[in-house]
Amino acid sequence: MSETATTTQPEQQNQAPSVARASGSMAIATIVSRGTGLLSKVLLIAVIGAEMLGDSYQAASTLPTMINELLLGGILTSVAIPLLVRAEKEDGDGGESYAQWLITMGTLILGVGTVIAMACAPLLTDLYISDSENANPELVTAFAYLVLPGIVFYGLTALLSAVLNARHVFGIPTWAPVLNNLVVIVVLVVYALLPGELTLNPVRMTDVHLLVLGLGTALGVAVQASVLFPALKKTGFKFKWRFGWDSRLSEFGSLAFWVLLYVGLGLASMTVLTNVATSAEGTLTAFNYQWLIAQVPYGVLGVSLLTALMPKMSRAAANGDNESIVRDLLFGNRMSAILLMPFSALMTVSGLAIGLAAFAWGNSGVDGGTRIGLALALSAFGLVPYAVTLLQLRVFYAMKDARTPTLIQALIVAVRIGLLYLFLAVSTPGDASQLAVGVSLAMSLSFVFGAIVGQVWLRIRLGRLRTGFTIWTVCLTVVASSLAFAVAKGVNWLVLGALGLEDPVISAWVEVVLVTLIGLPLAFGLLAAFRVPEMKPAIDKINRLVRRR
């Protein structure tokens, strides 16, 4: 183990600064984005609650993102950047004509898909919530008509972000969701100020409450996409409609087929998950909100790391440099564990408090916050495997292999669906807390399985991956996080005992603040004390600041 560490450390130090700079430039924007997004979700659950209205809105608002992924979003995220990088390298115009073709065809596909989806809104509702008694089919359909136009804007956001990322522009695409969140916050304030309540029997498309909430959701996504156009123009990119053909388009189509199948498998698993979750009122909302919380550290740290690494791995693959690909994979896996494991531990030990502090307000109440918190605490272990799995799949895409990720996805989905029905069978009928935990566990366990399968498959494909080095880093992060949060929870127990607080929400806020402020710095401090190589740049920077003072 020591020999591996010795030979790898210089390599990691050589590549870390450039990736760290790119990741750091996105981190602040992502923090603001996730923070405003969380605020909008807190307002949403406080305004509409965590039961039938909340479940119905959650089901409908998920449709545009799912259909966008099926049409184009997943293809762009996984395939477009590697191909744009290759076009930039090979074409005399720096890949501009290729990017023009992607935008042209993407807009066409998204537009046609949106029209078809809106025409089939009632069928989508039937498929998505089945015969559930805990979501209102008429309300889901009404919301769907209003939010489905967001398909175009979700797709354009992914499309333009891919072109910008390939041109080394990361900041603007990361800031764009902030505008979406701000629009939604304003919409929710307007909704809360409206007199009366949304009419459920019968559901009327002319209901002002319905129109404000539905159209406001679509407006936020439209604003998010619109700010990317000026940013793209600023790079010197000149857009014109391009419907031509070249030999690489068949390559794109071949890759897109497998990515489309990959996304279809994911949508199938989400359809099963939604049907299972709506078996108990409030379960779908609890799952979606715990997933939202779990995604905050990944969105701030993991996505920034992955976004910065993807063009780098794509260039290494284009040059046939497998050694650099393995080095980037090792760096990404280790950094994922170092950055995310302390947050996973925080959500495990204080998940219930986080749920109560963030969501036990308004129409949600303590019961809604408790459901979300329990689901979060018992499934937070899946955060690191989730990040590792996504990184592994991107390695295959960087090598222009879209088939293998689809096969791995099929295995993950099979395990997930099996677990979903298992937890549904063993849960007490109608018990939303039990089922929310089960659904969340099924998702996390499927990513643990996926991370193992992906590592084995990459070992076969690329040869030695230095997996032992990654496992050693994961073990160090587990030990450091366990010790840090054991101390943090102990301090919290003493403080709460001394204060004698009776209100569960106030107690939850005290716990969240104390455990976070004590546990996270202590965890990263212990990782530094354990001399984890990737911590060295941060330690050196802190030492320089101390010496200056």
Protein backbone atom coordinates (compact mmCIF):
# COMPACT_ATOMS: atom_id res chain seq x y z
CA MET A 1 0.00 0.00 0.00
CA SER A 2 2.77 2.44 0.91
CA GLU A 3 4.49 1.90 -2.44
CA THR A 4 1.28 2.74 -4.29
CA ALA A 5 0.78 5.84 -2.23
CA THR A 6 4.35 6.97 -2.87
CA THR A 7 4.18 6.59 -6.62
CA THR A 8 0.74 8.13 -6.93
CA GLN A 9 1.08 11.20 -4.76
CA PRO A 10 3.18 13.30 -7.16
CA GLU A 11 0.84 12.49 -9.99
CA GLN A 12 -2.12 13.65 -7.95
CA GLN A 13 -0.36 16.85 -6.96
CA ASN A 14 0.50 17.63 -10.57
CA GLN A 15 -3.08 17.41 -11.75
CA ALA A 16 -4.91 18.60 -8.65
CA PRO A 17 -4.36 22.37 -8.99
CA SER A 18 -5.95 22.72 -12.45
CA VAL A 19 -8.91 20.55 -11.53
CA ALA A 20 -9.17 22.25 -8.16
CA ARG A 21 -9.26 25.69 -9.79
CA ALA A 22 -11.98 24.67 -12.21
CA SER A 23 -13.95 22.98 -9.43
CA GLY A 24 -13.47 25.92 -7.09
CA SER A 25 -14.81 28.40 -9.64
CA MET A 26 -18.05 26.41 -9.74
CA ALA A 27 -18.30 25.66 -6.04
CA ILE A 28 -19.43 29.13 -4.91
CA ALA A 29 -22.07 29.32 -7.63
CA THR A 30 -23.24 25.83 -6.78
CA ILE A 31 -23.47 26.67 -3.07
CA VAL A 32 -25.70 29.63 -3.90
CA SER A 33 -27.69 27.51 -6.34
CA ARG A 34 -28.23 24.70 -3.85
CA GLY A 35 -28.98 27.16 -1.07
CA THR A 36 -31.64 29.02 -3.04
CA GLY A 37 -32.97 25.70 -4.31
CA LEU A 38 -33.31 24.41 -0.77
CA LEU A 39 -35.05 27.63 0.26
CA SER A 40 -37.54 27.23 -2.59
CA LYS A 41 -38.26 23.63 -1.52
CA VAL A 42 -38.70 24.64 2.11
CA LEU A 43 -41.19 27.30 1.01
CA LEU A 44 -42.92 24.81 -1.28
CA ILE A 45 -43.52 22.21 1.42
CA ALA A 46 -44.57 24.91 3.90
CA VAL A 47 -47.08 26.34 1.41
CA ILE A 48 -48.58 23.18 -0.13
CA GLY A 49 -47.73 20.54 2.51
CA ALA A 50 -46.30 17.02 2.24
CA GLU A 51 -49.44 15.02 1.52
CA MET A 52 -51.87 14.81 -1.44
CA LEU A 53 -51.27 18.26 -2.95
CA GLY A 54 -47.54 17.93 -2.40
CA ASP A 55 -47.38 14.43 -3.89
CA SER A 56 -49.44 15.50 -6.92
CA TYR A 57 -47.21 18.51 -7.62
CA GLN A 58 -44.06 16.42 -7.11
CA ALA A 59 -45.30 13.79 -9.57
CA ALA A 60 -46.17 16.37 -12.24
CA SER A 61 -43.07 18.54 -11.86
CA THR A 62 -40.85 15.50 -12.33
CA LEU A 63 -42.33 14.74 -15.76
CA PRO A 64 -40.48 17.48 -17.74
CA THR A 65 -37.09 16.43 -16.37
CA MET A 66 -37.78 12.75 -17.05
CA ILE A 67 -38.95 13.33 -20.63
CA ASN A 68 -36.10 15.75 -21.30
CA GLU A 69 -33.66 13.08 -20.16
CA LEU A 70 -35.33 10.56 -22.43
CA LEU A 71 -35.27 12.93 -25.42
CA LEU A 72 -31.92 14.61 -25.12
CA GLY A 73 -30.69 15.58 -21.65
CA GLY A 74 -28.94 12.34 -20.77
CA ILE A 75 -27.42 12.08 -24.24
CA LEU A 76 -25.99 15.59 -24.02
CA THR A 77 -24.61 15.15 -20.53
CA SER A 78 -22.89 11.89 -21.38
CA VAL A 79 -22.00 12.06 -25.08
CA ALA A 80 -21.94 15.66 -26.29
CA ILE A 81 -18.91 16.92 -24.36
CA PRO A 82 -16.53 14.14 -25.54
CA LEU A 83 -17.66 14.63 -29.15
CA LEU A 84 -17.47 18.43 -28.93
CA VAL A 85 -13.93 18.13 -27.56
CA ARG A 86 -12.96 15.88 -30.47
CA ALA A 87 -14.56 18.27 -32.99
CA GLU A 88 -12.68 21.18 -31.40
CA LYS A 89 -9.45 19.26 -31.89
CA GLU A 90 -10.10 17.92 -35.41
CA ASP A 91 -12.11 20.66 -37.19
CA GLY A 92 -10.67 23.73 -38.81
CA ASP A 93 -13.42 25.90 -37.29
CA GLY A 94 -12.76 24.66 -33.76
CA GLY A 95 -15.90 22.54 -33.71
CA GLU A 96 -18.28 25.46 -34.23
CA SER A 97 -20.28 23.84 -37.06
CA TYR A 98 -20.64 20.65 -35.03
CA ALA A 99 -21.98 22.66 -32.06
CA GLN A 100 -24.38 24.47 -34.41
CA TRP A 101 -25.73 21.14 -35.62
CA LEU A 102 -26.22 19.90 -32.04
CA ILE A 103 -28.18 23.02 -31.08
CA THR A 104 -30.29 22.88 -34.26
CA MET A 105 -31.24 19.23 -33.99
CA GLY A 106 -31.63 19.41 -30.24
CA THR A 107 -34.11 22.27 -30.46
CA LEU A 108 -36.10 20.40 -33.11
CA ILE A 109 -36.25 17.18 -31.08
CA LEU A 110 -37.18 19.02 -27.89
CA GLY A 111 -39.95 20.99 -29.60
CA VAL A 112 -41.56 17.92 -31.16
CA GLY A 113 -41.19 15.98 -27.92
CA THR A 114 -42.88 18.74 -25.92
CA VAL A 115 -45.91 18.83 -28.22
CA ILE A 116 -46.30 15.04 -28.06
CA ALA A 117 -45.87 14.98 -24.27
CA MET A 118 -48.54 17.63 -23.74
CA ALA A 119 -50.95 15.77 -26.01
CA CYS A 120 -50.31 12.60 -23.97
CA ALA A 121 -50.42 14.23 -20.51
CA PRO A 122 -53.35 12.08 -19.22
CA LEU A 123 -51.58 8.91 -20.38
CA LEU A 124 -48.38 9.99 -18.65
CA THR A 125 -50.32 10.54 -15.44
CA ASP A 126 -51.85 7.06 -15.66
CA LEU A 127 -48.43 5.53 -16.23
CA TYR A 128 -46.70 7.53 -13.53
CA ILE A 129 -49.07 7.27 -10.57
CA SER A 130 -51.03 4.18 -11.65
CA ASP A 131 -54.01 3.52 -9.36
CA SER A 132 -52.64 5.38 -6.35
CA GLU A 133 -55.19 6.85 -3.96
CA ASN A 134 -52.64 9.26 -2.53
CA ALA A 135 -52.08 11.50 -5.55
CA ASN A 136 -54.91 13.23 -7.42
CA PRO A 137 -54.79 12.15 -11.12
CA GLU A 138 -56.79 15.16 -12.33
CA LEU A 139 -54.50 17.53 -10.44
CA VAL A 140 -51.34 15.78 -11.69
CA THR A 141 -52.62 16.08 -15.27
CA ALA A 142 -53.52 19.75 -14.83
CA PHE A 143 -50.07 20.53 -13.43
CA ALA A 144 -48.52 18.50 -16.25
CA TYR A 145 -50.12 20.66 -18.95
CA LEU A 146 -48.55 23.73 -17.35
CA VAL A 147 -45.06 22.41 -16.55
CA LEU A 148 -44.38 20.19 -19.59
CA PRO A 149 -43.26 23.16 -21.78
CA GLY A 150 -40.26 23.17 -19.45
CA ILE A 151 -38.94 20.19 -21.47
CA VAL A 152 -37.63 22.60 -24.12
CA PHE A 153 -35.87 24.80 -21.58
CA TYR A 154 -34.39 21.91 -19.57
CA GLY A 155 -33.00 20.52 -22.82
CA LEU A 156 -31.62 23.85 -23.99
CA THR A 157 -29.97 24.34 -20.60
CA ALA A 158 -28.17 20.99 -20.97
CA LEU A 159 -27.37 21.67 -24.62
CA LEU A 160 -25.89 25.13 -24.17
CA SER A 161 -24.09 24.11 -20.96
CA ALA A 162 -22.39 21.24 -22.82
CA VAL A 163 -21.14 23.64 -25.51
CA LEU A 164 -19.95 26.13 -22.88
CA ASN A 165 -18.20 23.43 -20.82
CA ALA A 166 -16.38 22.17 -23.93
CA ARG A 167 -15.17 25.76 -24.37
CA HIS A 168 -13.92 25.80 -20.76
CA VAL A 169 -16.73 28.04 -19.52
CA PHE A 170 -18.09 26.58 -16.27
CA GLY A 171 -19.26 29.54 -14.18
CA ILE A 172 -22.34 30.79 -16.07
CA PRO A 173 -23.98 27.35 -16.45
CA THR A 174 -23.51 26.86 -12.72
CA TRP A 175 -25.06 30.23 -11.84
CA ALA A 176 -28.04 29.84 -14.19
CA PRO A 177 -30.11 27.61 -11.81
CA VAL A 178 -29.95 30.38 -9.19
CA LEU A 179 -32.25 32.49 -11.37
CA ASN A 180 -34.64 29.56 -11.70
CA ASN A 181 -34.74 29.20 -7.91
CA LEU A 182 -35.33 32.93 -7.39
CA VAL A 183 -38.25 32.89 -9.82
CA VAL A 184 -39.78 29.90 -8.01
CA ILE A 185 -39.36 31.63 -4.63
CA VAL A 186 -41.22 34.69 -5.92
CA VAL A 187 -43.93 32.44 -7.39
CA LEU A 188 -44.40 30.64 -4.06
CA VAL A 189 -44.68 33.94 -2.17
CA VAL A 190 -47.35 35.07 -4.65
CA TYR A 191 -49.13 31.71 -4.27
CA ALA A 192 -49.11 32.00 -0.48
CA LEU A 193 -50.61 35.50 -0.66
CA LEU A 194 -53.49 34.43 -2.89
CA PRO A 195 -56.82 34.28 -1.07
CA GLY A 196 -58.53 30.91 -0.71
CA GLU A 197 -57.15 27.48 -1.62
CA LEU A 198 -56.59 25.43 -4.75
CA THR A 199 -59.83 23.67 -5.71
CA LEU A 200 -59.45 19.88 -5.87
CA ASN A 201 -63.03 18.82 -6.49
CA PRO A 202 -63.32 19.58 -9.32
CA VAL A 203 -59.86 20.54 -10.58
CA ARG A 204 -60.16 23.57 -12.90
CA MET A 205 -57.46 24.70 -15.31
CA THR A 206 -58.62 28.30 -14.78
CA ASP A 207 -57.89 28.14 -11.03
CA VAL A 208 -55.49 31.03 -10.28
CA HIS A 209 -53.63 28.94 -7.68
CA LEU A 210 -53.01 26.20 -10.23
CA LEU A 211 -51.90 28.65 -12.92
CA VAL A 212 -49.52 30.54 -10.65
CA LEU A 213 -47.83 27.40 -9.37
CA GLY A 214 -47.69 25.54 -12.70
CA LEU A 215 -46.74 28.40 -15.04
CA GLY A 216 -44.36 29.83 -12.46
CA THR A 217 -42.48 26.52 -12.38
CA ALA A 218 -42.09 26.56 -16.18
CA LEU A 219 -41.09 30.24 -16.15
CA GLY A 220 -38.19 29.53 -13.79
CA VAL A 221 -36.72 26.96 -16.18
CA ALA A 222 -37.17 29.34 -19.13
CA VAL A 223 -35.20 32.07 -17.34
CA GLN A 224 -32.49 29.53 -16.49
CA ALA A 225 -32.00 28.63 -20.16
CA SER A 226 -32.22 32.19 -21.50
CA VAL A 227 -29.16 33.50 -19.63
CA LEU A 228 -26.91 30.96 -21.38
CA PHE A 229 -27.39 32.49 -24.84
CA PRO A 230 -25.46 35.72 -24.10
CA ALA A 231 -22.74 33.68 -22.38
CA LEU A 232 -22.30 31.50 -25.48
CA LYS A 233 -22.20 34.55 -27.74
CA LYS A 234 -19.51 36.07 -25.54
CA THR A 235 -17.19 33.12 -26.30
CA GLY A 236 -17.23 34.13 -29.96
CA PHE A 237 -19.65 31.41 -30.98
CA LYS A 238 -21.89 32.39 -33.90
CA PHE A 239 -25.08 30.41 -34.21
CA LYS A 240 -26.87 29.51 -37.41
CA TRP A 241 -29.33 26.74 -38.16
CA ARG A 242 -27.46 23.74 -39.55
CA PHE A 243 -29.28 20.69 -40.88
CA GLY A 244 -26.36 19.17 -42.80
CA TRP A 245 -24.64 15.82 -42.33
CA ASP A 246 -21.13 14.55 -41.75
CA SER A 247 -19.66 11.19 -40.88
CA ARG A 248 -19.46 11.89 -37.15
CA LEU A 249 -23.22 12.26 -36.89
CA SER A 250 -23.60 8.51 -37.35
CA GLU A 251 -21.12 8.09 -34.49
CA PHE A 252 -23.28 10.41 -32.38
CA GLY A 253 -26.37 8.39 -33.32
CA SER A 254 -24.74 5.12 -32.30
CA LEU A 255 -23.70 6.54 -28.95
CA ALA A 256 -27.08 8.25 -28.51
CA PHE A 257 -28.95 4.97 -28.99
CA TRP A 258 -27.23 3.39 -26.01
CA VAL A 259 -27.58 6.53 -23.89
CA LEU A 260 -31.26 6.67 -24.81
CA LEU A 261 -31.65 3.08 -23.64
CA TYR A 262 -29.70 3.98 -20.48
CA VAL A 263 -32.06 6.88 -19.75
CA GLY A 264 -35.09 4.72 -20.54
CA LEU A 265 -33.98 2.20 -17.93
CA GLY A 266 -33.62 5.02 -15.40
CA LEU A 267 -37.08 6.31 -16.22
CA ALA A 268 -38.50 2.81 -15.83
CA SER A 269 -36.99 2.57 -12.35
CA MET A 270 -38.33 6.03 -11.44
CA THR A 271 -41.79 5.06 -12.68
CA VAL A 272 -41.73 1.97 -10.45
CA LEU A 273 -40.38 4.07 -7.57
CA THR A 274 -43.18 6.63 -7.97
CA ASN A 275 -45.84 3.93 -8.09
CA VAL A 276 -44.40 2.30 -4.97
CA ALA A 277 -43.99 5.62 -3.16
CA THR A 278 -47.55 6.76 -3.81
CA SER A 279 -48.82 3.64 -2.01
CA ALA A 280 -48.65 5.69 1.21
CA GLU A 281 -49.56 9.38 1.33
CA GLY A 282 -46.55 11.62 1.80
CA THR A 283 -43.93 9.01 0.86
CA LEU A 284 -43.08 10.48 -2.54
CA THR A 285 -42.60 13.95 -1.08
CA ALA A 286 -40.44 12.53 1.73
CA PHE A 287 -38.24 10.66 -0.74
CA ASN A 288 -37.86 13.64 -3.08
CA TYR A 289 -36.92 15.97 -0.24
CA GLN A 290 -34.40 13.64 1.39
CA TRP A 291 -32.88 13.17 -2.07
CA LEU A 292 -32.75 16.95 -2.45
CA ILE A 293 -30.85 17.30 0.85
CA ALA A 294 -28.48 14.43 -0.01
CA GLN A 295 -27.72 16.08 -3.36
CA VAL A 296 -26.60 19.39 -1.81
CA PRO A 297 -23.01 18.30 -0.96
CA TYR A 298 -22.76 16.29 -4.17
CA GLY A 299 -24.03 19.24 -6.20
CA VAL A 300 -21.56 21.62 -4.59
CA LEU A 301 -18.52 19.33 -4.53
CA GLY A 302 -19.12 16.19 -6.59
CA VAL A 303 -20.67 17.81 -9.67
CA SER A 304 -17.97 20.50 -9.73
CA LEU A 305 -15.28 17.82 -9.62
CA LEU A 306 -16.98 15.69 -12.29
CA THR A 307 -17.60 18.66 -14.59
CA ALA A 308 -13.95 19.69 -14.36
CA LEU A 309 -12.67 16.14 -14.93
CA MET A 310 -14.93 15.25 -17.88
CA PRO A 311 -13.22 17.37 -20.59
CA LYS A 312 -9.83 16.28 -19.21
CA MET A 313 -10.71 12.58 -19.45
CA SER A 314 -12.22 13.11 -22.89
CA ARG A 315 -8.96 14.62 -24.18
CA ALA A 316 -6.95 11.78 -22.66
CA ALA A 317 -9.26 9.25 -24.33
CA ALA A 318 -8.99 11.08 -27.66
CA ASN A 319 -5.20 10.73 -27.39
CA GLY A 320 -5.43 7.04 -26.42
CA ASP A 321 -3.79 7.83 -23.07
CA ASN A 322 -5.25 5.15 -20.78
CA GLU A 323 -2.72 5.92 -18.05
CA SER A 324 -4.08 9.46 -17.72
CA ILE A 325 -7.65 8.14 -17.68
CA VAL A 326 -6.80 5.78 -14.81
CA ARG A 327 -5.05 8.61 -12.98
CA ASP A 328 -8.08 10.87 -13.37
CA LEU A 329 -10.41 8.08 -12.24
CA LEU A 330 -8.28 7.40 -9.16
CA PHE A 331 -8.13 11.10 -8.35
CA GLY A 332 -11.90 11.49 -8.82
CA ASN A 333 -12.75 8.44 -6.68
CA ARG A 334 -10.46 9.52 -3.85
CA MET A 335 -11.60 13.13 -3.93
CA SER A 336 -15.25 12.00 -3.95
CA ALA A 337 -14.64 10.04 -0.75
CA ILE A 338 -12.66 12.84 0.91
CA LEU A 339 -15.14 15.57 0.04
CA LEU A 340 -18.40 13.70 0.53
CA MET A 341 -17.89 11.15 3.32
CA PRO A 342 -17.96 13.77 6.13
CA PHE A 343 -21.27 15.08 4.76
CA SER A 344 -22.61 11.54 4.53
CA ALA A 345 -21.72 11.07 8.20
CA LEU A 346 -23.39 14.38 9.10
CA MET A 347 -26.63 13.33 7.41
CA THR A 348 -26.48 9.89 9.03
CA VAL A 349 -26.08 11.07 12.62
CA SER A 350 -28.27 14.18 12.33
CA GLY A 351 -30.59 13.38 9.44
CA LEU A 352 -33.68 13.46 11.63
CA ALA A 353 -32.69 16.87 12.99
CA ILE A 354 -32.06 18.16 9.45
CA GLY A 355 -35.51 17.00 8.36
CA LEU A 356 -37.20 18.68 11.31
CA ALA A 357 -35.19 21.88 11.08
CA ALA A 358 -35.71 22.35 7.35
CA PHE A 359 -39.18 20.96 6.70
CA ALA A 360 -41.31 20.87 9.86
CA TRP A 361 -42.99 24.13 8.94
CA GLY A 362 -46.40 25.27 7.74
CA ASN A 363 -48.58 22.56 6.24
CA SER A 364 -45.81 19.97 6.48
CA GLY A 365 -45.55 19.90 10.27
CA VAL A 366 -43.43 17.69 12.53
CA ASP A 367 -44.73 14.49 10.91
CA GLY A 368 -43.60 15.60 7.45
CA GLY A 369 -40.20 16.70 8.73
CA THR A 370 -39.75 13.44 10.63
CA ARG A 371 -40.49 11.32 7.55
CA ILE A 372 -37.94 13.24 5.51
CA GLY A 373 -35.32 13.15 8.27
CA LEU A 374 -35.60 9.40 8.89
CA ALA A 375 -35.33 8.62 5.18
CA LEU A 376 -32.26 10.86 4.92
CA ALA A 377 -30.48 9.42 7.97
CA LEU A 378 -30.89 5.79 6.95
CA SER A 379 -29.90 6.22 3.30
CA ALA A 380 -27.11 8.83 3.43
CA PHE A 381 -24.47 6.09 3.15
CA GLY A 382 -25.24 5.98 -0.58
CA LEU A 383 -23.80 9.46 -1.27
CA VAL A 384 -20.21 8.39 -1.99
CA PRO A 385 -21.15 5.27 -4.03
CA TYR A 386 -23.50 7.50 -6.06
CA ALA A 387 -20.67 9.90 -6.89
CA VAL A 388 -18.26 7.07 -7.69
CA THR A 389 -20.80 5.34 -9.97
CA LEU A 390 -21.42 8.51 -11.99
CA LEU A 391 -17.70 9.08 -12.38
CA GLN A 392 -17.14 5.50 -13.55
CA LEU A 393 -19.87 5.80 -16.17
CA ARG A 394 -18.37 9.06 -17.46
CA VAL A 395 -15.07 7.26 -17.99
CA PHE A 396 -16.78 4.89 -20.43
CA TYR A 397 -18.45 7.82 -22.21
CA ALA A 398 -15.09 9.59 -22.50
CA MET A 399 -13.84 6.50 -24.34
CA LYS A 400 -16.86 6.71 -26.69
CA ASP A 401 -18.36 3.60 -25.13
CA ALA A 402 -22.06 4.16 -24.39
CA ARG A 403 -22.94 0.45 -24.44
CA THR A 404 -21.22 -0.56 -21.20
CA PRO A 405 -22.86 2.16 -19.03
CA THR A 406 -26.23 0.98 -20.33
CA LEU A 407 -25.49 -2.61 -19.35
CA ILE A 408 -24.38 -1.46 -15.89
CA GLN A 409 -27.51 0.69 -15.62
CA ALA A 410 -29.64 -2.36 -16.46
CA LEU A 411 -28.08 -4.27 -13.56
CA ILE A 412 -28.52 -1.31 -11.17
CA VAL A 413 -32.16 -0.85 -12.18
CA ALA A 414 -32.91 -4.57 -11.77
CA VAL A 415 -31.49 -4.49 -8.23
CA ARG A 416 -33.32 -1.25 -7.41
CA ILE A 417 -36.71 -2.46 -8.63
CA GLY A 418 -36.31 -5.72 -6.73
CA LEU A 419 -35.49 -3.80 -3.54
CA LEU A 420 -38.39 -1.40 -4.04
CA TYR A 421 -40.93 -4.21 -4.18
CA LEU A 422 -39.20 -5.98 -1.28
CA PHE A 423 -39.48 -2.92 0.96
CA LEU A 424 -43.06 -2.35 -0.18
CA ALA A 425 -43.91 -5.92 0.84
CA VAL A 426 -42.33 -5.67 4.30
CA SER A 427 -43.60 -2.15 5.12
CA THR A 428 -46.76 -1.67 7.14
CA PRO A 429 -49.56 -0.70 4.70
CA GLY A 430 -50.14 3.05 4.77
CA ASP A 431 -47.06 3.77 6.92
CA ALA A 432 -45.41 6.61 5.01
CA SER A 433 -42.35 6.77 7.29
CA GLN A 434 -41.47 3.10 6.81
CA LEU A 435 -42.03 3.21 3.07
CA ALA A 436 -40.06 6.45 2.66
CA VAL A 437 -37.10 4.80 4.39
CA GLY A 438 -37.48 1.69 2.23
CA VAL A 439 -37.62 3.63 -1.05
CA SER A 440 -34.58 5.68 -0.03
CA LEU A 441 -32.66 2.56 1.02
CA ALA A 442 -33.42 0.90 -2.31
CA MET A 443 -31.91 3.85 -4.16
CA SER A 444 -28.74 3.96 -2.02
CA LEU A 445 -28.14 0.19 -2.05
CA SER A 446 -28.48 0.12 -5.83
CA PHE A 447 -25.64 2.67 -6.10
CA VAL A 448 -23.42 0.61 -3.77
CA PHE A 449 -23.98 -2.31 -6.12
CA GLY A 450 -23.33 -0.09 -9.15
CA ALA A 451 -20.02 1.22 -7.77
CA ILE A 452 -18.74 -2.33 -7.27
CA VAL A 453 -19.84 -3.50 -10.72
CA GLY A 454 -18.39 -0.39 -12.40
CA GLN A 455 -15.01 -0.78 -10.73
CA VAL A 456 -14.77 -4.43 -11.79
CA TRP A 457 -15.77 -3.60 -15.35
CA LEU A 458 -13.23 -0.78 -15.62
CA ARG A 459 -10.55 -3.09 -14.22
CA ILE A 460 -11.25 -5.48 -17.08
CA ARG A 461 -11.23 -2.65 -19.61
CA LEU A 462 -8.30 -0.52 -18.45
CA GLY A 463 -6.18 -2.87 -16.37
CA ARG A 464 -4.84 -2.03 -12.93
CA LEU A 465 -6.88 0.77 -11.30
CA ARG A 466 -5.07 0.98 -7.93
CA THR A 467 -8.36 0.09 -6.26
CA GLY A 468 -6.56 -0.72 -3.02
CA PHE A 469 -5.42 2.89 -2.80
CA THR A 470 -9.02 4.07 -3.23
CA ILE A 471 -10.30 1.61 -0.59
CA TRP A 472 -7.61 2.80 1.82
CA THR A 473 -8.74 6.41 1.34
CA VAL A 474 -12.39 5.42 1.87
CA CYS A 475 -11.43 3.65 5.11
CA LEU A 476 -9.57 6.74 6.33
CA THR A 477 -12.54 8.98 5.57
CA VAL A 478 -14.89 6.60 7.40
CA VAL A 479 -12.65 6.54 10.48
CA ALA A 480 -12.11 10.32 10.48
CA SER A 481 -15.82 11.04 9.97
CA SER A 482 -16.91 8.54 12.63
CA LEU A 483 -14.57 9.99 15.25
CA ALA A 484 -15.44 13.59 14.37
CA PHE A 485 -19.19 13.15 14.52
CA ALA A 486 -19.06 11.00 17.64
CA VAL A 487 -17.44 13.99 19.35
CA ALA A 488 -19.95 16.40 17.76
CA LYS A 489 -22.95 14.34 18.87
CA GLY A 490 -21.51 14.09 22.37
CA VAL A 491 -21.20 17.88 22.62
CA ASN A 492 -24.71 18.27 21.24
CA TRP A 493 -26.09 15.84 23.85
CA LEU A 494 -24.47 17.86 26.64
CA VAL A 495 -25.69 21.21 25.28
CA LEU A 496 -29.28 20.04 24.74
CA GLY A 497 -29.30 18.53 28.23
CA ALA A 498 -28.09 21.81 29.73
CA LEU A 499 -30.60 23.92 27.79
CA GLY A 500 -33.56 21.63 28.50
CA LEU A 501 -35.31 22.49 25.23
CA GLU A 502 -38.73 20.95 24.67
CA ASP A 503 -39.65 22.20 21.19
CA PRO A 504 -38.44 19.53 18.70
CA VAL A 505 -37.85 22.01 15.90
CA ILE A 506 -35.72 24.36 18.02
CA SER A 507 -33.79 21.38 19.39
CA ALA A 508 -33.26 20.20 15.82
CA TRP A 509 -31.84 23.57 14.78
CA VAL A 510 -29.43 23.56 17.73
CA GLU A 511 -28.27 20.06 16.78
CA VAL A 512 -27.81 20.87 13.11
CA VAL A 513 -25.73 23.97 13.88
CA LEU A 514 -23.60 22.34 16.59
CA VAL A 515 -22.95 19.05 14.84
CA THR A 516 -22.13 20.76 11.55
CA LEU A 517 -19.79 23.37 13.04
CA ILE A 518 -17.95 20.79 15.15
CA GLY A 519 -18.13 17.65 13.03
CA LEU A 520 -17.16 18.87 9.55
CA PRO A 521 -14.01 20.85 10.50
CA LEU A 522 -12.92 18.06 12.84
CA ALA A 523 -13.43 15.41 10.13
CA PHE A 524 -11.36 17.31 7.57
CA GLY A 525 -8.79 18.09 10.26
CA LEU A 526 -8.41 14.40 11.04
CA LEU A 527 -8.01 13.64 7.33
CA ALA A 528 -5.18 16.18 7.27
CA ALA A 529 -3.68 14.57 10.38
CA PHE A 530 -3.87 11.18 8.64
CA ARG A 531 -1.75 12.74 5.83
CA VAL A 532 -4.20 11.98 3.04
CA PRO A 533 -2.32 13.23 -0.08
CA GLU A 534 -5.23 15.19 -1.58
CA MET A 535 -5.47 17.28 1.60
CA LYS A 536 -1.95 18.65 1.13
CA PRO A 537 -2.85 21.60 -1.20
CA ALA A 538 -5.44 22.82 1.33
CA ILE A 539 -3.00 22.38 4.24
CA ASP A 540 -0.27 24.30 2.39
CA LYS A 541 -2.66 27.16 1.66
CA ILE A 542 -3.74 27.37 5.32
CA ASN A 543 -0.08 27.34 6.41
CA ARG A 544 0.71 30.21 4.01
CA LEU A 545 -2.19 32.26 5.39
CA VAL A 546 -1.04 31.62 8.98
CA ARG A 547 2.54 32.63 8.17
CA ARG A 548 1.34 35.87 6.59
CA ARG A 549 -0.52 36.75 9.77
